[in-house]
Protein backbone atom coordinates (compact mmCIF):
# COMPACT_ATOMS: atom_id res chain seq x y z
CA UNK A 1 39.82 -16.64 -7.96
CA UNK A 2 41.66 -12.43 -7.63
CA UNK A 3 38.95 -10.00 -6.98
CA UNK A 4 38.65 -7.96 -10.16
CA UNK A 5 38.71 -4.41 -8.94
CA UNK A 6 39.07 -0.60 -10.32
CA UNK A 7 41.08 1.79 -8.51
CA UNK A 8 39.15 2.65 -4.94
CA UNK A 9 38.05 6.06 -3.59
CA UNK A 10 38.58 6.80 0.16
CA UNK A 11 35.57 5.57 1.85
CA UNK A 12 33.47 7.09 4.46
CA UNK A 13 30.30 7.15 6.01
CA UNK A 14 27.95 9.42 7.91
CA UNK A 15 26.68 7.99 11.02
CA UNK A 16 23.67 9.48 13.30
CA UNK A 17 22.78 8.96 17.17
CA UNK A 18 19.94 6.63 17.40
CA UNK A 19 18.43 8.46 19.83
CA UNK A 20 19.08 11.35 18.45
CA UNK A 21 19.21 11.38 14.81
CA UNK A 22 20.04 15.67 14.90
CA UNK A 23 23.74 14.26 16.20
CA UNK A 24 26.16 12.96 13.36
CA UNK A 25 29.39 11.57 12.90
CA UNK A 26 31.77 11.60 9.62
CA UNK A 27 34.07 8.51 9.55
CA UNK A 28 36.54 7.19 7.48
CA UNK A 29 35.92 3.64 6.99
CA UNK A 30 38.32 0.53 5.96
CA UNK A 31 36.60 -1.61 4.01
CA UNK A 32 37.74 -5.44 4.71
CA UNK A 33 38.43 -7.75 1.93
CA UNK A 34 35.70 -8.89 -0.16
CA UNK A 35 34.84 -12.92 -0.07
CA UNK A 36 33.58 -14.58 -2.89
CA UNK A 37 30.06 -13.71 -3.92
CA UNK A 38 30.78 -10.32 -2.80
CA UNK A 39 31.18 -7.00 -4.74
CA UNK A 40 31.68 -3.64 -3.73
CA UNK A 41 29.74 -0.27 -4.79
CA UNK A 42 30.64 3.36 -5.36
CA UNK A 43 27.70 5.57 -4.26
CA UNK A 44 26.99 7.86 -7.49
CA UNK A 45 23.67 9.74 -5.99
CA UNK A 46 21.03 9.31 -3.91
CA UNK A 47 18.37 11.49 -2.28
CA UNK A 48 17.39 12.51 0.87
CA UNK A 49 14.05 12.99 1.25
CA UNK A 50 11.17 12.67 4.61
CA UNK A 51 10.91 9.28 4.28
CA UNK A 52 14.60 9.14 4.89
CA UNK A 53 14.12 10.73 8.40
CA UNK A 54 10.63 8.26 8.41
CA UNK A 55 13.91 5.52 8.03
CA UNK A 56 15.67 7.14 11.25
CA UNK A 57 12.99 8.07 13.58
CA UNK A 58 11.29 4.10 13.45
CA UNK A 59 14.77 3.20 13.05
CA UNK A 60 14.14 0.91 16.37
CA UNK A 61 10.63 0.44 15.93
CA UNK A 62 8.59 -2.93 14.62
CA UNK A 63 9.98 -1.65 11.24
CA UNK A 64 13.64 -1.92 12.14
CA UNK A 65 15.46 -0.33 9.71
CA UNK A 66 18.44 0.66 11.98
CA UNK A 67 19.42 -3.44 11.61
CA UNK A 68 19.64 -2.68 7.49
CA UNK A 69 22.95 -1.46 7.81
CA UNK A 70 25.18 -2.44 11.32
CA UNK A 71 26.75 0.54 13.08
CA UNK A 72 28.69 1.06 15.82
CA UNK A 73 27.24 0.93 19.34
CA UNK A 74 24.23 3.95 19.55
CA UNK A 75 24.99 4.66 15.93
CA UNK A 76 22.87 3.99 12.77
CA UNK A 77 23.25 4.10 9.46
CA UNK A 78 20.28 6.09 7.77
CA UNK A 79 18.89 3.96 4.77
CA UNK A 80 18.73 5.98 1.53
CA UNK A 81 17.79 5.19 -1.87
CA UNK A 82 20.32 6.00 -4.96
CA UNK A 83 22.70 4.79 -7.90
CA UNK A 84 25.80 2.72 -7.03
CA UNK A 85 28.40 1.06 -9.29
CA UNK A 86 30.00 -2.27 -9.11
CA UNK A 87 34.26 -1.25 -8.61
CA UNK A 88 35.24 -4.39 -7.44
CA UNK A 89 33.72 -8.07 -8.00
CA UNK A 90 33.88 -11.16 -6.28
CA UNK A 91 31.40 -12.88 -8.12
CA UNK A 92 31.60 -14.40 -11.64
CA UNK A 93 28.85 -13.09 -13.33
CA UNK A 94 29.06 -9.19 -11.66
CA UNK A 95 31.75 -7.08 -13.88
CA UNK A 96 33.07 -4.43 -12.62
CA UNK A 97 31.11 -0.83 -13.69
CA UNK A 98 27.73 -2.32 -14.05
CA UNK A 99 25.06 -0.14 -12.93
CA UNK A 100 22.02 -0.25 -10.16
CA UNK A 101 19.75 1.80 -7.97
CA UNK A 102 19.05 0.50 -4.70
CA UNK A 103 18.88 0.87 -0.64
CA UNK A 104 22.27 1.97 0.42
CA UNK A 105 23.74 3.28 3.97
CA UNK A 106 24.14 6.79 3.40
CA UNK A 107 28.11 6.80 2.72
CA UNK A 108 30.25 6.46 -0.31
CA UNK A 109 30.62 2.91 -0.25
CA UNK A 110 28.52 -0.17 0.40
CA UNK A 111 29.57 -4.39 0.30
CA UNK A 112 27.22 -6.74 -0.04
CA UNK A 113 27.09 -10.36 -0.87
CA UNK A 114 24.95 -11.07 -4.20
CA UNK A 115 22.82 -13.09 -6.04
CA UNK A 116 22.64 -12.51 -9.74
CA UNK A 117 19.56 -12.40 -12.12
CA UNK A 118 19.77 -11.24 -15.34
CA UNK A 119 18.21 -7.63 -14.28
CA UNK A 120 19.26 -7.32 -11.03
CA UNK A 121 21.45 -8.20 -7.90
CA UNK A 122 19.82 -9.72 -5.12
CA UNK A 123 21.56 -8.84 -1.71
CA UNK A 124 22.27 -12.03 0.01
CA UNK A 125 23.70 -10.58 3.00
CA UNK A 126 22.93 -12.20 6.51
CA UNK A 127 22.47 -9.28 7.90
CA UNK A 128 19.76 -8.31 5.75
CA UNK A 129 17.44 -11.16 5.44
CA UNK A 130 15.04 -10.26 7.80
CA UNK A 131 14.53 -7.28 4.60
CA UNK A 132 11.54 -7.47 2.29
CA UNK A 133 13.36 -8.59 -1.44
CA UNK A 134 11.58 -5.16 -2.31
CA UNK A 135 14.64 -3.39 -0.25
CA UNK A 136 17.18 -6.10 -1.25
CA UNK A 137 17.22 -5.75 -5.37
CA UNK A 138 19.39 -3.40 -6.73
CA UNK A 139 18.00 -3.07 -10.19
CA UNK A 140 20.60 -2.27 -13.25
CA UNK A 141 20.01 0.63 -14.82
CA UNK A 142 21.97 2.51 -18.01
CA UNK A 143 23.24 5.93 -17.81
CA UNK A 144 24.06 8.09 -16.27
CA UNK A 145 21.37 10.33 -17.92
CA UNK A 146 19.66 13.57 -17.59
CA UNK A 147 16.72 12.64 -15.74
CA UNK A 148 18.59 10.63 -13.03
CA UNK A 149 18.10 13.34 -10.34
CA UNK A 150 14.75 13.76 -10.85
CA UNK A 151 14.64 9.64 -10.33
CA UNK A 152 16.62 10.00 -7.45
CA UNK A 153 14.15 11.50 -5.80
CA UNK A 154 11.22 10.31 -6.85
CA UNK A 155 11.96 6.38 -7.93
CA UNK A 156 11.71 5.40 -3.66
CA UNK A 157 8.48 6.81 -3.48
CA UNK A 158 6.48 6.26 -6.24
CA UNK A 159 6.18 2.05 -6.34
CA UNK A 160 3.43 3.48 -2.88
CA UNK A 161 1.66 6.18 -5.48
CA UNK A 162 0.80 3.77 -8.52
CA UNK A 163 -0.18 0.75 -6.07
CA UNK A 164 -2.12 2.88 -3.96
CA UNK A 165 -3.53 4.34 -7.38
CA UNK A 166 -4.38 0.98 -8.25
CA UNK A 167 -6.21 0.49 -4.62
CA UNK A 168 -7.92 3.82 -4.96
CA UNK A 169 -8.78 3.31 -8.66
CA UNK A 170 -10.50 -0.06 -7.44
CA UNK A 171 -12.28 1.09 -4.51
CA UNK A 172 -14.19 4.30 -7.63
CA UNK A 173 -15.44 0.85 -9.33
CA UNK A 174 -16.98 0.30 -6.22
CA UNK A 175 -18.67 3.49 -5.50
CA UNK A 176 -16.17 5.66 -3.78
CA UNK A 177 -16.76 9.23 -4.99
CA UNK A 178 -14.13 11.16 -3.00
CA UNK A 179 -10.77 10.89 -2.02
CA UNK A 180 -8.91 12.51 1.19
CA UNK A 181 -4.93 12.43 1.46
CA UNK A 182 -3.51 13.52 4.37
CA UNK A 183 0.49 14.93 3.88
CA UNK A 184 -0.70 15.79 0.30
CA UNK A 185 2.05 17.69 -0.43
CA UNK A 186 4.53 14.44 -0.27
CA UNK A 187 5.55 13.22 -3.41
CA UNK A 188 3.97 10.09 -3.19
CA UNK A 189 1.35 11.77 -2.47
CA UNK A 190 1.17 14.05 -5.31
CA UNK A 191 2.05 10.87 -7.87
CA UNK A 192 -0.51 9.06 -6.15
CA UNK A 193 -3.32 11.74 -7.14
CA UNK A 194 -1.45 12.03 -10.33
CA UNK A 195 -1.96 8.84 -11.49
CA UNK A 196 -5.71 9.85 -10.55
CA UNK A 197 -6.39 12.37 -13.20
CA UNK A 198 -9.08 11.99 -16.08
CA UNK A 199 -9.77 8.67 -14.82
CA UNK A 200 -13.15 8.12 -13.08
CA UNK A 201 -15.23 11.23 -11.17
CA UNK A 202 -13.35 11.35 -8.08
CA UNK A 203 -13.30 14.73 -5.65
CA UNK A 204 -9.74 14.81 -4.76
CA UNK A 205 -9.19 16.61 -1.45
CA UNK A 206 -5.62 17.35 0.04
CA UNK A 207 -5.39 18.21 3.34
CA UNK A 208 -1.88 19.74 4.27
CA UNK A 209 0.12 22.37 6.18
CA UNK A 210 -1.11 25.43 6.40
CA UNK A 211 2.42 26.89 5.16
CA UNK A 212 2.43 24.89 2.20
CA UNK A 213 -1.78 25.22 1.27
CA UNK A 214 -0.88 27.97 -0.68
CA UNK A 215 1.99 26.18 -2.96
CA UNK A 216 -0.06 23.04 -3.13
CA UNK A 217 -2.90 24.81 -4.79
CA UNK A 218 -0.76 26.72 -7.25
CA UNK A 219 0.18 23.17 -8.34
CA UNK A 220 -3.41 22.61 -9.23
CA UNK A 221 -3.13 18.61 -8.63
CA UNK A 222 -5.78 18.78 -6.26
CA UNK A 223 -9.76 19.74 -6.73
CA UNK A 224 -9.84 21.09 -3.31
CA UNK A 225 -7.01 22.21 -0.79
CA UNK A 226 -7.30 22.91 2.99
CA UNK A 227 -5.16 23.40 5.47
CA UNK A 228 -5.52 20.89 8.58
CA UNK A 229 -7.05 22.96 10.17
CA UNK A 230 -10.07 23.53 7.75
CA UNK A 231 -10.73 20.71 8.09
CA UNK A 232 -14.52 20.71 9.32
CA UNK A 233 -15.67 22.95 5.94
CA UNK A 234 -13.89 19.91 3.88
CA UNK A 235 -17.61 18.78 2.15
CA UNK A 236 -17.11 15.80 0.01
CA UNK A 237 -19.55 13.05 -1.83
CA UNK A 238 -19.44 9.93 0.12
CA UNK A 239 -18.33 7.13 0.33
CA UNK A 240 -14.79 8.84 0.81
CA UNK A 241 -11.25 6.82 0.67
CA UNK A 242 -9.24 8.38 2.88
CA UNK A 243 -5.51 7.94 2.18
CA UNK A 244 -3.01 8.72 5.16
CA UNK A 245 0.84 9.36 4.82
CA UNK A 246 1.53 11.32 7.85
CA UNK A 247 0.66 8.32 10.63
CA UNK A 248 -0.71 10.68 13.30
CA UNK A 249 -3.25 9.76 15.15
CA UNK A 250 -4.78 13.22 15.47
CA UNK A 251 -4.64 13.65 12.11
CA UNK A 252 -6.11 10.42 11.05
CA UNK A 253 -8.85 10.34 14.09
CA UNK A 254 -10.16 13.70 13.52
CA UNK A 255 -10.83 12.82 9.22
CA UNK A 256 -12.77 9.97 10.90
CA UNK A 257 -14.72 12.75 13.56
CA UNK A 258 -15.07 14.67 10.62
CA UNK A 259 -16.64 12.02 8.02
CA UNK A 260 -18.21 9.71 10.27
CA UNK A 261 -19.81 6.82 8.48
CA UNK A 262 -19.15 7.93 4.84
CA UNK A 263 -15.68 6.23 5.01
CA UNK A 264 -15.36 3.78 2.48
CA UNK A 265 -11.69 2.30 3.43
CA UNK A 266 -8.74 3.54 4.89
CA UNK A 267 -5.46 3.21 3.97
CA UNK A 268 -2.11 3.77 6.58
CA UNK A 269 0.48 4.62 3.70
CA UNK A 270 3.69 6.99 5.64
CA UNK A 271 4.65 8.11 8.60
CA UNK A 272 6.06 12.05 7.40
CA UNK A 273 5.06 13.44 10.79
CA UNK A 274 7.38 13.19 13.95
CA UNK A 275 4.87 11.62 15.77
CA UNK A 276 4.21 9.35 13.54
CA UNK A 277 3.55 5.37 15.22
CA UNK A 278 3.09 2.41 13.18
CA UNK A 279 0.10 0.69 15.40
CA UNK A 280 -3.09 2.06 13.39
CA UNK A 281 -5.18 3.86 15.79
CA UNK A 282 -8.67 2.30 17.68
CA UNK A 283 -11.12 3.94 15.36
CA UNK A 284 -14.62 2.88 14.09
CA UNK A 285 -15.24 0.63 11.12
CA UNK A 286 -13.48 0.36 8.79
CA UNK A 287 -10.27 0.03 10.47
CA UNK A 288 -7.77 1.64 9.50
CA UNK A 289 -5.08 -0.48 7.46
CA UNK A 290 -1.66 -0.88 6.95
CA UNK A 291 -0.98 -0.55 3.40
CA UNK A 292 2.63 -2.25 2.66
CA UNK A 293 3.57 -1.43 -0.92
CA UNK A 294 6.15 -4.76 -0.97
CA UNK A 295 3.45 -7.04 -0.33
CA UNK A 296 0.78 -5.42 -2.77
CA UNK A 297 3.62 -5.13 -5.61
CA UNK A 298 4.33 -8.64 -5.55
CA UNK A 299 0.26 -9.32 -5.49
CA UNK A 300 0.35 -7.55 -8.76
CA UNK A 301 3.04 -9.21 -10.60
CA UNK A 302 1.57 -12.86 -9.64
CA UNK A 303 -1.57 -11.59 -11.00
CA UNK A 304 -0.40 -9.70 -13.71
CA UNK A 305 2.52 -11.61 -14.48
CA UNK A 306 6.13 -9.72 -13.41
CA UNK A 307 6.63 -8.66 -16.96
CA UNK A 308 3.54 -6.70 -17.70
CA UNK A 309 3.45 -5.42 -14.27
CA UNK A 310 7.33 -4.24 -14.48
CA UNK A 311 6.31 -2.43 -18.63
CA UNK A 312 3.46 -0.68 -17.22
CA UNK A 313 4.84 0.58 -14.20
CA UNK A 314 8.15 1.47 -15.76
CA UNK A 315 5.83 3.46 -18.20
CA UNK A 316 3.83 5.17 -15.58
CA UNK A 317 7.03 6.08 -13.48
CA UNK A 318 9.02 7.26 -16.80
CA UNK A 319 5.88 10.00 -17.65
CA UNK A 320 5.83 11.18 -13.22
CA UNK A 321 9.73 11.74 -13.68
CA UNK A 322 9.27 13.84 -17.09
CA UNK A 323 6.67 16.06 -15.61
CA UNK A 324 8.20 16.58 -12.68
CA UNK A 325 11.08 18.71 -14.60
CA UNK A 326 7.99 21.40 -14.90
CA UNK A 327 8.41 21.81 -10.84
CA UNK A 328 10.74 20.05 -9.03
CA UNK A 329 13.64 21.94 -8.53
CA UNK A 330 17.08 19.67 -7.60
CA UNK A 331 19.56 20.53 -5.04
CA UNK A 332 22.65 19.24 -5.28
CA UNK A 333 24.97 18.43 -1.97
CA UNK A 334 28.22 17.11 -3.11
CA UNK A 335 30.59 16.05 -0.04
CA UNK A 336 30.35 15.07 3.84
CA UNK A 337 30.29 18.06 4.68
CA UNK A 338 27.28 19.30 2.32
CA UNK A 339 25.44 16.18 3.28
CA UNK A 340 25.61 16.31 6.70
CA UNK A 341 24.31 20.01 6.48
CA UNK A 342 21.32 18.51 4.16
CA UNK A 343 19.97 16.00 6.98
CA UNK A 344 20.28 18.69 9.21
CA UNK A 345 17.98 20.97 7.80
CA UNK A 346 15.95 18.09 6.81
CA UNK A 347 15.44 17.57 10.48
CA UNK A 348 14.60 21.05 11.44
CA UNK A 349 13.13 22.99 8.34
CA UNK A 350 9.64 21.42 6.64
CA UNK A 351 10.70 20.23 2.97
CA UNK A 352 9.13 21.99 0.12
CA UNK A 353 7.37 19.63 -1.78
CA UNK A 354 9.05 21.83 -4.82
CA UNK A 355 12.46 20.94 -4.32
CA UNK A 356 14.82 17.86 -3.45
CA UNK A 357 18.58 17.18 -2.65
CA UNK A 358 19.92 14.77 -4.08
CA UNK A 359 23.87 13.54 -2.51
CA UNK A 360 26.96 13.52 -4.35
CA UNK A 361 29.32 11.62 -1.86
CA UNK A 362 32.05 12.84 -3.92
CA UNK A 363 33.27 15.21 -2.01
CA UNK A 364 34.55 18.39 -3.66
CA UNK A 365 38.74 19.34 -3.24
CA UNK A 366 38.33 21.86 -0.22
CA UNK A 367 35.87 19.12 1.53
CA UNK A 368 38.12 15.65 1.65
CA UNK A 369 36.81 12.89 3.68
CA UNK A 370 38.11 12.03 7.40
CA UNK A 371 37.21 11.20 11.06
CA UNK A 372 35.18 14.15 12.06
CA UNK A 373 32.60 14.75 14.64
CA UNK A 374 29.87 16.92 13.56
CA UNK A 375 28.24 16.58 17.09
């Protein structure tokens, strides 16, 4: 069977040094001809957030993110989430032009072996077989649409918000009266607390860096916002649910020191801090538990039915995206040079919750792709 194809673009990729993600190279790619059951995707846009920095910092850990998209020795391809379109296909059920949202390497194109489903592609490439199906699913979507930029920034994070909110609601039904959230300005945390507004009388406290405290207070999402240094001023009704997005042992331990036996449950959800560790710190009961979103999502799909779960999730996500128009400003980065700059900025400067980078791989005419070493 011959391949179905559109006019190919000039493929390129950004590589980063695994031991020092601040060092980058932009390289021209020479994709191999497609084999049967393979498709080639052209990346339309993807988001760059603290989540992607986490992938890089933890790429050689127990969560081997670097292994998802193999690169030359010592280099890695940062995983990103975004929109893509099929530009070449040797799969009989996947036509050229179909659009998807999924897990991609930072660059202009991506080739994968797939199994086709009605509403998605399932990446069946052997090198990514170790990943949870959550990372292998490229969901079919319409578009482009006017809110795609916001979806690009929020969609990879919102499943965690949605499923942690369900856990907190369940614990509230068991008597929890307050919620403490670290890295409270992260968009995952904002999505979580937004879902809890208007529900049970749960007092929410957001802990954040001093430079973000006033911004977070102005958003009026949490009942109270404190800087980490002000933790001793935290007086909350007990018992308390503690949700940590930082992954930093010192911050987690400080919350335990302050709240002591008032903690009902601790969920470790994210790794936003540069000192983040995957292993939970050794603390007194209730011992912190890792919250792995894909497993929780699978449990709920089994319990509620995939269709029911998916409909409720999509409705919640779309509402959050619409509301985000009032506070989330999109900053576009186009072409490899601007994308490398966005990556460098993200590593070196605290990301504001009010601004997000959406990267468009198609370069500007003045910035054609090519072999460039940005080290």
